[in-house]
Amino acid sequence: MPLNDIPVYEATLRNHPYDARGVLSYLRGGRGAYGYLAHAFAEGGLLAQIVNSAGDGFLRLRCAVPEEALAQGGLTICGAECGRYPVCPTVIVEW
């Protein structure tokens, strides 16, 4: 998961389950699918690289399955109204 093309987080996620914990998905007409919360931190030199790469003043978060990954088939990003956790993808910057 890069911020402005600087790698910050990479993980292999398990398949997302379906059950009552995905209550927000049920409320939106889904089948109860949910995923997992992922957290990443950028501090020190890494944070400086990200800031310096933002020449236009914008942060760009990219969530994707790499082309060379063994597991292919997509990535589901749940937001505030689906899945298990009522939060959207969020970047918090403390400078």
PDB file of N, CA and C in Angstrom:
ATOM      1  N   MET A   1       0.848  -1.161   0.000  1.00  0.00           N
ATOM      2  CA  MET A   1       0.000   0.000   0.000  1.00  0.00           C
ATOM      3  C   MET A   1       0.900   1.232   0.000  1.00  0.00           C
ATOM      4  N   PRO A   2       1.113   1.815  -1.143  1.00  0.00           N
ATOM      5  CA  PRO A   2       1.979   2.991  -1.193  1.00  0.00           C
ATOM      6  C   PRO A   2       1.226   4.296  -0.964  1.00  0.00           C
ATOM      7  N   LEU A   3       1.920   5.242  -0.397  1.00  0.00           N
ATOM      8  CA  LEU A   3       1.465   6.627  -0.324  1.00  0.00           C
ATOM      9  C   LEU A   3       2.383   7.401  -1.257  1.00  0.00           C
ATOM     10  N   ASN A   4       1.820   8.033  -2.271  1.00  0.00           N
ATOM     11  CA  ASN A   4       2.609   8.754  -3.274  1.00  0.00           C
ATOM     12  C   ASN A   4       3.729   7.881  -3.840  1.00  0.00           C
ATOM     13  N   ASP A   5       3.401   6.636  -4.135  1.00  0.00           N
ATOM     14  CA  ASP A   5       4.325   5.663  -4.736  1.00  0.00           C
ATOM     15  C   ASP A   5       5.473   5.243  -3.817  1.00  0.00           C
ATOM     16  N   ILE A   6       5.430   5.577  -2.534  1.00  0.00           N
ATOM     17  CA  ILE A   6       6.422   5.142  -1.553  1.00  0.00           C
ATOM     18  C   ILE A   6       5.800   3.976  -0.777  1.00  0.00           C
ATOM     19  N   PRO A   7       6.361   2.762  -0.855  1.00  0.00           N
ATOM     20  CA  PRO A   7       5.771   1.612  -0.150  1.00  0.00           C
ATOM     21  C   PRO A   7       5.724   1.838   1.367  1.00  0.00           C
ATOM     22  N   VAL A   8       4.540   1.658   1.938  1.00  0.00           N
ATOM     23  CA  VAL A   8       4.343   1.853   3.376  1.00  0.00           C
ATOM     24  C   VAL A   8       3.897   0.552   4.041  1.00  0.00           C
ATOM     25  N   TYR A   9       3.072  -0.241   3.362  1.00  0.00           N
ATOM     26  CA  TYR A   9       2.495  -1.443   3.978  1.00  0.00           C
ATOM     27  C   TYR A   9       2.254  -2.487   2.900  1.00  0.00           C
ATOM     28  N   GLU A  10       2.596  -3.722   3.225  1.00  0.00           N
ATOM     29  CA  GLU A  10       2.308  -4.840   2.330  1.00  0.00           C
ATOM     30  C   GLU A  10       1.967  -6.046   3.181  1.00  0.00           C
ATOM     31  N   ALA A  11       0.912  -6.763   2.820  1.00  0.00           N
ATOM     32  CA  ALA A  11       0.496  -7.924   3.595  1.00  0.00           C
ATOM     33  C   ALA A  11      -0.273  -8.879   2.693  1.00  0.00           C
ATOM     34  N   THR A  12      -0.317 -10.123   3.105  1.00  0.00           N
ATOM     35  CA  THR A  12      -1.173 -11.106   2.462  1.00  0.00           C
ATOM     36  C   THR A  12      -2.404 -11.243   3.331  1.00  0.00           C
ATOM     37  N   LEU A  13      -3.547 -10.881   2.787  1.00  0.00           N
ATOM     38  CA  LEU A  13      -4.797 -10.930   3.538  1.00  0.00           C
ATOM     39  C   LEU A  13      -5.511 -12.240   3.267  1.00  0.00           C
ATOM     40  N   ARG A  14      -6.143 -12.780   4.286  1.00  0.00           N
ATOM     41  CA  ARG A  14      -6.951 -13.991   4.119  1.00  0.00           C
ATOM     42  C   ARG A  14      -8.223 -13.635   3.346  1.00  0.00           C
ATOM     43  N   ASN A  15      -8.873 -14.649   2.790  1.00  0.00           N
ATOM     44  CA  ASN A  15     -10.164 -14.410   2.144  1.00  0.00           C
ATOM     45  C   ASN A  15     -11.123 -13.837   3.163  1.00  0.00           C
ATOM     46  N   HIS A  16     -11.972 -12.936   2.704  1.00  0.00           N
ATOM     47  CA  HIS A  16     -12.893 -12.319   3.650  1.00  0.00           C
ATOM     48  C   HIS A  16     -14.036 -13.273   3.971  1.00  0.00           C
ATOM     49  N   PRO A  17     -14.380 -13.359   5.255  1.00  0.00           N
ATOM     50  CA  PRO A  17     -15.441 -14.270   5.689  1.00  0.00           C
ATOM     51  C   PRO A  17     -16.829 -13.647   5.521  1.00  0.00           C
ATOM     52  N   TYR A  18     -17.824 -14.486   5.672  1.00  0.00           N
ATOM     53  CA  TYR A  18     -19.222 -14.082   5.645  1.00  0.00           C
ATOM     54  C   TYR A  18     -19.878 -14.641   6.893  1.00  0.00           C
ATOM     55  N   ASP A  19     -20.360 -13.793   7.772  1.00  0.00           N
ATOM     56  CA  ASP A  19     -21.159 -14.228   8.909  1.00  0.00           C
ATOM     57  C   ASP A  19     -21.775 -13.002   9.576  1.00  0.00           C
ATOM     58  N   ALA A  20     -22.343 -13.168  10.745  1.00  0.00           N
ATOM     59  CA  ALA A  20     -23.070 -12.088  11.416  1.00  0.00           C
ATOM     60  C   ALA A  20     -22.188 -10.895  11.769  1.00  0.00           C
ATOM     61  N   ARG A  21     -20.870 -11.085  11.835  1.00  0.00           N
ATOM     62  CA  ARG A  21     -20.002  -9.943  12.137  1.00  0.00           C
ATOM     63  C   ARG A  21     -19.979  -8.924  11.001  1.00  0.00           C
ATOM     64  N   GLY A  22     -20.389  -9.315   9.831  1.00  0.00           N
ATOM     65  CA  GLY A  22     -20.486  -8.395   8.708  1.00  0.00           C
ATOM     66  C   GLY A  22     -21.848  -7.718   8.654  1.00  0.00           C
ATOM     67  N   VAL A  23     -22.368  -7.368   9.819  1.00  0.00           N
ATOM     68  CA  VAL A  23     -23.722  -6.824   9.947  1.00  0.00           C
ATOM     69  C   VAL A  23     -23.957  -5.614   9.042  1.00  0.00           C
ATOM     70  N   LEU A  24     -22.972  -4.756   8.848  1.00  0.00           N
ATOM     71  CA  LEU A  24     -23.178  -3.590   7.987  1.00  0.00           C
ATOM     72  C   LEU A  24     -23.439  -4.008   6.548  1.00  0.00           C
ATOM     73  N   SER A  25     -22.845  -5.105   6.119  1.00  0.00           N
ATOM     74  CA  SER A  25     -23.096  -5.604   4.761  1.00  0.00           C
ATOM     75  C   SER A  25     -24.531  -6.102   4.629  1.00  0.00           C
ATOM     76  N   TYR A  26     -25.037  -6.771   5.674  1.00  0.00           N
ATOM     77  CA  TYR A  26     -26.428  -7.223   5.648  1.00  0.00           C
ATOM     78  C   TYR A  26     -27.363  -6.030   5.490  1.00  0.00           C
ATOM     79  N   LEU A  27     -27.090  -4.955   6.210  1.00  0.00           N
ATOM     80  CA  LEU A  27     -27.943  -3.773   6.166  1.00  0.00           C
ATOM     81  C   LEU A  27     -27.956  -3.123   4.787  1.00  0.00           C
ATOM     82  N   ARG A  28     -26.918  -3.356   3.991  1.00  0.00           N
ATOM     83  CA  ARG A  28     -26.820  -2.785   2.641  1.00  0.00           C
ATOM     84  C   ARG A  28     -27.244  -3.799   1.574  1.00  0.00           C
ATOM     85  N   GLY A  29     -27.868  -4.902   1.980  1.00  0.00           N
ATOM     86  CA  GLY A  29     -28.347  -5.886   1.021  1.00  0.00           C
ATOM     87  C   GLY A  29     -27.323  -6.932   0.648  1.00  0.00           C
ATOM     88  N   GLY A  30     -26.190  -6.971   1.361  1.00  0.00           N
ATOM     89  CA  GLY A  30     -25.140  -7.946   1.081  1.00  0.00           C
ATOM     90  C   GLY A  30     -25.358  -9.247   1.821  1.00  0.00           C
ATOM     91  N   ARG A  31     -24.344 -10.107   1.797  1.00  0.00           N
ATOM     92  CA  ARG A  31     -24.429 -11.424   2.426  1.00  0.00           C
ATOM     93  C   ARG A  31     -23.607 -11.517   3.702  1.00  0.00           C
ATOM     94  N   GLY A  32     -23.257 -10.401   4.300  1.00  0.00           N
ATOM     95  CA  GLY A  32     -22.525 -10.434   5.563  1.00  0.00           C
ATOM     96  C   GLY A  32     -21.022 -10.519   5.405  1.00  0.00           C
ATOM     97  N   ALA A  33     -20.500 -10.117   4.257  1.00  0.00           N
ATOM     98  CA  ALA A  33     -19.053 -10.160   4.041  1.00  0.00           C
ATOM     99  C   ALA A  33     -18.372  -9.063   4.845  1.00  0.00           C
ATOM    100  N   TYR A  34     -17.200  -9.365   5.328  1.00  0.00           N
ATOM    101  CA  TYR A  34     -16.386  -8.359   6.014  1.00  0.00           C
ATOM    102  C   TYR A  34     -14.932  -8.740   5.875  1.00  0.00           C
ATOM    103  N   GLY A  35     -14.077  -7.816   6.192  1.00  0.00           N
ATOM    104  CA  GLY A  35     -12.645  -8.074   6.069  1.00  0.00           C
ATOM    105  C   GLY A  35     -11.925  -7.810   7.371  1.00  0.00           C
ATOM    106  N   TYR A  36     -10.750  -7.278   7.276  1.00  0.00           N
ATOM    107  CA  TYR A  36      -9.884  -7.081   8.430  1.00  0.00           C
ATOM    108  C   TYR A  36      -9.348  -5.653   8.421  1.00  0.00           C
ATOM    109  N   LEU A  37      -9.206  -5.085   9.598  1.00  0.00           N
ATOM    110  CA  LEU A  37      -8.600  -3.760   9.696  1.00  0.00           C
ATOM    111  C   LEU A  37      -7.099  -3.880   9.474  1.00  0.00           C
ATOM    112  N   ALA A  38      -6.555  -2.966   8.717  1.00  0.00           N
ATOM    113  CA  ALA A  38      -5.108  -2.931   8.492  1.00  0.00           C
ATOM    114  C   ALA A  38      -4.599  -1.565   8.931  1.00  0.00           C
ATOM    115  N   HIS A  39      -3.473  -1.547   9.621  1.00  0.00           N
ATOM    116  CA  HIS A  39      -2.873  -0.304  10.097  1.00  0.00           C
ATOM    117  C   HIS A  39      -1.437  -0.220   9.591  1.00  0.00           C
ATOM    118  N   ALA A  40      -1.028   0.970   9.209  1.00  0.00           N
ATOM    119  CA  ALA A  40       0.354   1.200   8.790  1.00  0.00           C
ATOM    120  C   ALA A  40       0.800   2.541   9.355  1.00  0.00           C
ATOM    121  N   PHE A  41       2.080   2.648   9.642  1.00  0.00           N
ATOM    122  CA  PHE A  41       2.634   3.884  10.186  1.00  0.00           C
ATOM    123  C   PHE A  41       3.844   4.291   9.362  1.00  0.00           C
ATOM    124  N   ALA A  42       3.960   5.577   9.123  1.00  0.00           N
ATOM    125  CA  ALA A  42       5.136   6.126   8.436  1.00  0.00           C
ATOM    126  C   ALA A  42       5.718   7.188   9.351  1.00  0.00           C
ATOM    127  N   GLU A  43       6.952   6.980   9.769  1.00  0.00           N
ATOM    128  CA  GLU A  43       7.613   7.916  10.683  1.00  0.00           C
ATOM    129  C   GLU A  43       9.023   8.191  10.181  1.00  0.00           C
ATOM    130  N   GLY A  44       9.646   9.212  10.711  1.00  0.00           N
ATOM    131  CA  GLY A  44      11.044   9.510  10.432  1.00  0.00           C
ATOM    132  C   GLY A  44      11.332   9.692   8.958  1.00  0.00           C
ATOM    133  N   GLY A  45      12.355   8.980   8.471  1.00  0.00           N
ATOM    134  CA  GLY A  45      12.804   9.106   7.095  1.00  0.00           C
ATOM    135  C   GLY A  45      11.746   8.710   6.081  1.00  0.00           C
ATOM    136  N   LEU A  46      10.953   7.685   6.402  1.00  0.00           N
ATOM    137  CA  LEU A  46       9.894   7.257   5.491  1.00  0.00           C
ATOM    138  C   LEU A  46       8.850   8.358   5.330  1.00  0.00           C
ATOM    139  N   LEU A  47       8.463   8.975   6.423  1.00  0.00           N
ATOM    140  CA  LEU A  47       7.501  10.070   6.358  1.00  0.00           C
ATOM    141  C   LEU A  47       8.064  11.236   5.557  1.00  0.00           C
ATOM    142  N   ALA A  48       9.328  11.532   5.741  1.00  0.00           N
ATOM    143  CA  ALA A  48       9.965  12.622   4.986  1.00  0.00           C
ATOM    144  C   ALA A  48       9.948  12.319   3.488  1.00  0.00           C
ATOM    145  N   GLN A  49      10.193  11.058   3.103  1.00  0.00           N
ATOM    146  CA  GLN A  49      10.138  10.661   1.688  1.00  0.00           C
ATOM    147  C   GLN A  49       8.749  10.893   1.110  1.00  0.00           C
ATOM    148  N   ILE A  50       7.730  10.518   1.868  1.00  0.00           N
ATOM    149  CA  ILE A  50       6.353  10.669   1.400  1.00  0.00           C
ATOM    150  C   ILE A  50       6.019  12.149   1.214  1.00  0.00           C
ATOM    151  N   VAL A  51       6.386  12.954   2.184  1.00  0.00           N
ATOM    152  CA  VAL A  51       6.107  14.389   2.108  1.00  0.00           C
ATOM    153  C   VAL A  51       6.848  15.014   0.936  1.00  0.00           C
ATOM    154  N   ASN A  52       8.108  14.646   0.748  1.00  0.00           N
ATOM    155  CA  ASN A  52       8.896  15.211  -0.353  1.00  0.00           C
ATOM    156  C   ASN A  52       8.382  14.777  -1.723  1.00  0.00           C
ATOM    157  N   SER A  53       7.711  13.631  -1.780  1.00  0.00           N
ATOM    158  CA  SER A  53       7.191  13.147  -3.055  1.00  0.00           C
ATOM    159  C   SER A  53       5.870  13.811  -3.431  1.00  0.00           C
ATOM    160  N   ALA A  54       5.302  14.563  -2.511  1.00  0.00           N
ATOM    161  CA  ALA A  54       4.011  15.229  -2.751  1.00  0.00           C
ATOM    162  C   ALA A  54       4.241  16.608  -3.329  1.00  0.00           C
ATOM    163  N   GLY A  55       4.826  16.672  -4.514  1.00  0.00           N
ATOM    164  CA  GLY A  55       5.148  17.943  -5.141  1.00  0.00           C
ATOM    165  C   GLY A  55       3.937  18.818  -5.398  1.00  0.00           C
ATOM    166  N   ASP A  56       2.776  18.185  -5.653  1.00  0.00           N
ATOM    167  CA  ASP A  56       1.566  18.964  -5.920  1.00  0.00           C
ATOM    168  C   ASP A  56       0.736  19.188  -4.662  1.00  0.00           C
ATOM    169  N   GLY A  57       1.238  18.721  -3.500  1.00  0.00           N
ATOM    170  CA  GLY A  57       0.532  18.929  -2.235  1.00  0.00           C
ATOM    171  C   GLY A  57      -0.530  17.895  -1.920  1.00  0.00           C
ATOM    172  N   PHE A  58      -0.645  16.831  -2.714  1.00  0.00           N
ATOM    173  CA  PHE A  58      -1.650  15.810  -2.495  1.00  0.00           C
ATOM    174  C   PHE A  58      -1.008  14.509  -2.007  1.00  0.00           C
ATOM    175  N   LEU A  59      -1.738  13.766  -1.172  1.00  0.00           N
ATOM    176  CA  LEU A  59      -1.363  12.407  -0.791  1.00  0.00           C
ATOM    177  C   LEU A  59      -2.230  11.446  -1.587  1.00  0.00           C
ATOM    178  N   ARG A  60      -1.622  10.444  -2.171  1.00  0.00           N
ATOM    179  CA  ARG A  60      -2.366   9.451  -2.934  1.00  0.00           C
ATOM    180  C   ARG A  60      -2.121   8.073  -2.321  1.00  0.00           C
ATOM    181  N   LEU A  61      -3.189   7.475  -1.834  1.00  0.00           N
ATOM    182  CA  LEU A  61      -3.142   6.137  -1.250  1.00  0.00           C
ATOM    183  C   LEU A  61      -3.619   5.162  -2.317  1.00  0.00           C
ATOM    184  N   ARG A  62      -2.817   4.130  -2.570  1.00  0.00           N
ATOM    185  CA  ARG A  62      -3.182   3.139  -3.591  1.00  0.00           C
ATOM    186  C   ARG A  62      -3.297   1.774  -2.924  1.00  0.00           C
ATOM    187  N   CYS A  63      -4.455   1.161  -3.036  1.00  0.00           N
ATOM    188  CA  CYS A  63      -4.685  -0.188  -2.515  1.00  0.00           C
ATOM    189  C   CYS A  63      -4.908  -1.098  -3.717  1.00  0.00           C
ATOM    190  N   ALA A  64      -4.058  -2.107  -3.869  1.00  0.00           N
ATOM    191  CA  ALA A  64      -4.156  -2.970  -5.041  1.00  0.00           C
ATOM    192  C   ALA A  64      -3.494  -4.307  -4.775  1.00  0.00           C
ATOM    193  N   VAL A  65      -3.837  -5.283  -5.605  1.00  0.00           N
ATOM    194  CA  VAL A  65      -3.165  -6.576  -5.598  1.00  0.00           C
ATOM    195  C   VAL A  65      -2.046  -6.471  -6.637  1.00  0.00           C
ATOM    196  N   PRO A  66      -0.787  -6.672  -6.231  1.00  0.00           N
ATOM    197  CA  PRO A  66       0.311  -6.570  -7.198  1.00  0.00           C
ATOM    198  C   PRO A  66       0.161  -7.584  -8.333  1.00  0.00           C
ATOM    199  N   GLU A  67       0.576  -7.203  -9.516  1.00  0.00           N
ATOM    200  CA  GLU A  67       0.468  -8.089 -10.683  1.00  0.00           C
ATOM    201  C   GLU A  67       1.207  -9.401 -10.479  1.00  0.00           C
ATOM    202  N   GLU A  68       2.321  -9.360  -9.740  1.00  0.00           N
ATOM    203  CA  GLU A  68       3.134 -10.570  -9.546  1.00  0.00           C
ATOM    204  C   GLU A  68       2.694 -11.411  -8.342  1.00  0.00           C
ATOM    205  N   ALA A  69       1.619 -11.029  -7.658  1.00  0.00           N
ATOM    206  CA  ALA A  69       1.155 -11.759  -6.476  1.00  0.00           C
ATOM    207  C   ALA A  69       0.645 -13.147  -6.855  1.00  0.00           C
ATOM    208  N   LEU A  70       0.838 -14.120  -5.966  1.00  0.00           N
ATOM    209  CA  LEU A  70       0.341 -15.473  -6.209  1.00  0.00           C
ATOM    210  C   LEU A  70      -1.180 -15.509  -6.236  1.00  0.00           C
ATOM    211  N   ALA A  71      -1.790 -14.826  -5.282  1.00  0.00           N
ATOM    212  CA  ALA A  71      -3.257 -14.797  -5.206  1.00  0.00           C
ATOM    213  C   ALA A  71      -3.786 -13.632  -6.025  1.00  0.00           C
ATOM    214  N   GLN A  72      -4.554 -13.939  -7.028  1.00  0.00           N
ATOM    215  CA  GLN A  72      -5.165 -12.915  -7.862  1.00  0.00           C
ATOM    216  C   GLN A  72      -6.676 -12.997  -7.687  1.00  0.00           C
ATOM    217  N   GLY A  73      -7.364 -11.983  -8.105  1.00  0.00           N
ATOM    218  CA  GLY A  73      -8.824 -12.068  -8.042  1.00  0.00           C
ATOM    219  C   GLY A  73      -9.472 -10.857  -7.421  1.00  0.00           C
ATOM    220  N   GLY A  74      -8.702  -9.895  -6.993  1.00  0.00           N
ATOM    221  CA  GLY A  74      -9.322  -8.665  -6.535  1.00  0.00           C
ATOM    222  C   GLY A  74      -9.079  -8.333  -5.086  1.00  0.00           C
ATOM    223  N   LEU A  75      -9.569  -7.185  -4.747  1.00  0.00           N
ATOM    224  CA  LEU A  75      -9.432  -6.639  -3.403  1.00  0.00           C
ATOM    225  C   LEU A  75     -10.701  -5.866  -3.111  1.00  0.00           C
ATOM    226  N   THR A  76     -11.316  -6.134  -1.987  1.00  0.00           N
ATOM    227  CA  THR A  76     -12.522  -5.421  -1.586  1.00  0.00           C
ATOM    228  C   THR A  76     -12.165  -4.446  -0.486  1.00  0.00           C
ATOM    229  N   ILE A  77     -12.498  -3.183  -0.690  1.00  0.00           N
ATOM    230  CA  ILE A  77     -12.289  -2.151   0.328  1.00  0.00           C
ATOM    231  C   ILE A  77     -13.654  -1.818   0.897  1.00  0.00           C
ATOM    232  N   CYS A  78     -13.858  -2.103   2.169  1.00  0.00           N
ATOM    233  CA  CYS A  78     -15.134  -1.798   2.812  1.00  0.00           C
ATOM    234  C   CYS A  78     -15.097  -0.373   3.348  1.00  0.00           C
ATOM    235  N   GLY A  79     -16.227   0.279   3.312  1.00  0.00           N
ATOM    236  CA  GLY A  79     -16.327   1.647   3.808  1.00  0.00           C
ATOM    237  C   GLY A  79     -17.162   1.719   5.070  1.00  0.00           C
ATOM    238  N   ALA A  80     -17.667   2.888   5.361  1.00  0.00           N
ATOM    239  CA  ALA A  80     -18.390   3.130   6.599  1.00  0.00           C
ATOM    240  C   ALA A  80     -19.744   2.434   6.648  1.00  0.00           C
ATOM    241  N   GLU A  81     -20.259   1.983   5.502  1.00  0.00           N
ATOM    242  CA  GLU A  81     -21.595   1.401   5.475  1.00  0.00           C
ATOM    243  C   GLU A  81     -21.611  -0.058   5.035  1.00  0.00           C
ATOM    244  N   CYS A  82     -20.461  -0.719   5.033  1.00  0.00           N
ATOM    245  CA  CYS A  82     -20.444  -2.138   4.690  1.00  0.00           C
ATOM    246  C   CYS A  82     -19.300  -2.812   5.442  1.00  0.00           C
ATOM    247  N   GLY A  83     -19.362  -4.122   5.523  1.00  0.00           N
ATOM    248  CA  GLY A  83     -18.331  -4.859   6.236  1.00  0.00           C
ATOM    249  C   GLY A  83     -18.609  -4.964   7.724  1.00  0.00           C
ATOM    250  N   ARG A  84     -17.562  -4.991   8.494  1.00  0.00           N
ATOM    251  CA  ARG A  84     -17.668  -5.170   9.948  1.00  0.00           C
ATOM    252  C   ARG A  84     -17.374  -3.882  10.709  1.00  0.00           C
ATOM    253  N   TYR A  85     -16.476  -3.088  10.188  1.00  0.00           N
ATOM    254  CA  TYR A  85     -16.019  -1.889  10.892  1.00  0.00           C
ATOM    255  C   TYR A  85     -16.553  -0.647  10.189  1.00  0.00           C
ATOM    256  N   PRO A  86     -17.263   0.227  10.885  1.00  0.00           N
ATOM    257  CA  PRO A  86     -17.857   1.400  10.244  1.00  0.00           C
ATOM    258  C   PRO A  86     -16.860   2.544  10.020  1.00  0.00           C
ATOM    259  N   VAL A  87     -15.789   2.260   9.285  1.00  0.00           N
ATOM    260  CA  VAL A  87     -14.794   3.284   8.962  1.00  0.00           C
ATOM    261  C   VAL A  87     -14.405   3.176   7.488  1.00  0.00           C
ATOM    262  N   CYS A  88     -14.144   4.311   6.886  1.00  0.00           N
ATOM    263  CA  CYS A  88     -13.647   4.365   5.514  1.00  0.00           C
ATOM    264  C   CYS A  88     -12.120   4.309   5.560  1.00  0.00           C
ATOM    265  N   PRO A  89     -11.474   3.999   4.425  1.00  0.00           N
ATOM    266  CA  PRO A  89     -10.020   4.125   4.402  1.00  0.00           C
ATOM    267  C   PRO A  89      -9.634   5.537   4.817  1.00  0.00           C
ATOM    268  N   THR A  90      -8.689   5.641   5.741  1.00  0.00           N
ATOM    269  CA  THR A  90      -8.350   6.923   6.353  1.00  0.00           C
ATOM    270  C   THR A  90      -6.846   7.093   6.441  1.00  0.00           C
ATOM    271  N   VAL A  91      -6.365   8.271   6.129  1.00  0.00           N
ATOM    272  CA  VAL A  91      -4.971   8.630   6.331  1.00  0.00           C
ATOM    273  C   VAL A  91      -4.956   9.775   7.341  1.00  0.00           C
ATOM    274  N   ILE A  92      -4.262   9.579   8.447  1.00  0.00           N
ATOM    275  CA  ILE A  92      -4.137  10.615   9.482  1.00  0.00           C
ATOM    276  C   ILE A  92      -2.692  11.123   9.437  1.00  0.00           C
ATOM    277  N   VAL A  93      -2.545  12.410   9.272  1.00  0.00           N
ATOM    278  CA  VAL A  93      -1.217  13.007   9.194  1.00  0.00           C
ATOM    279  C   VAL A  93      -0.985  13.856  10.448  1.00  0.00           C
ATOM    280  N   GLU A  94       0.050  13.502  11.192  1.00  0.00           N
ATOM    281  CA  GLU A  94       0.480  14.307  12.352  1.00  0.00           C
ATOM    282  C   GLU A  94       1.888  14.755  12.049  1.00  0.00           C
ATOM    283  N   TRP A  95       2.078  16.024  11.894  1.00  0.00           N
ATOM    284  CA  TRP A  95       3.385  16.559  11.496  1.00  0.00           C
ATOM    285  C   TRP A  95       3.961  17.391  12.594  1.00  0.00           C
TER     286      TRP A  95
END
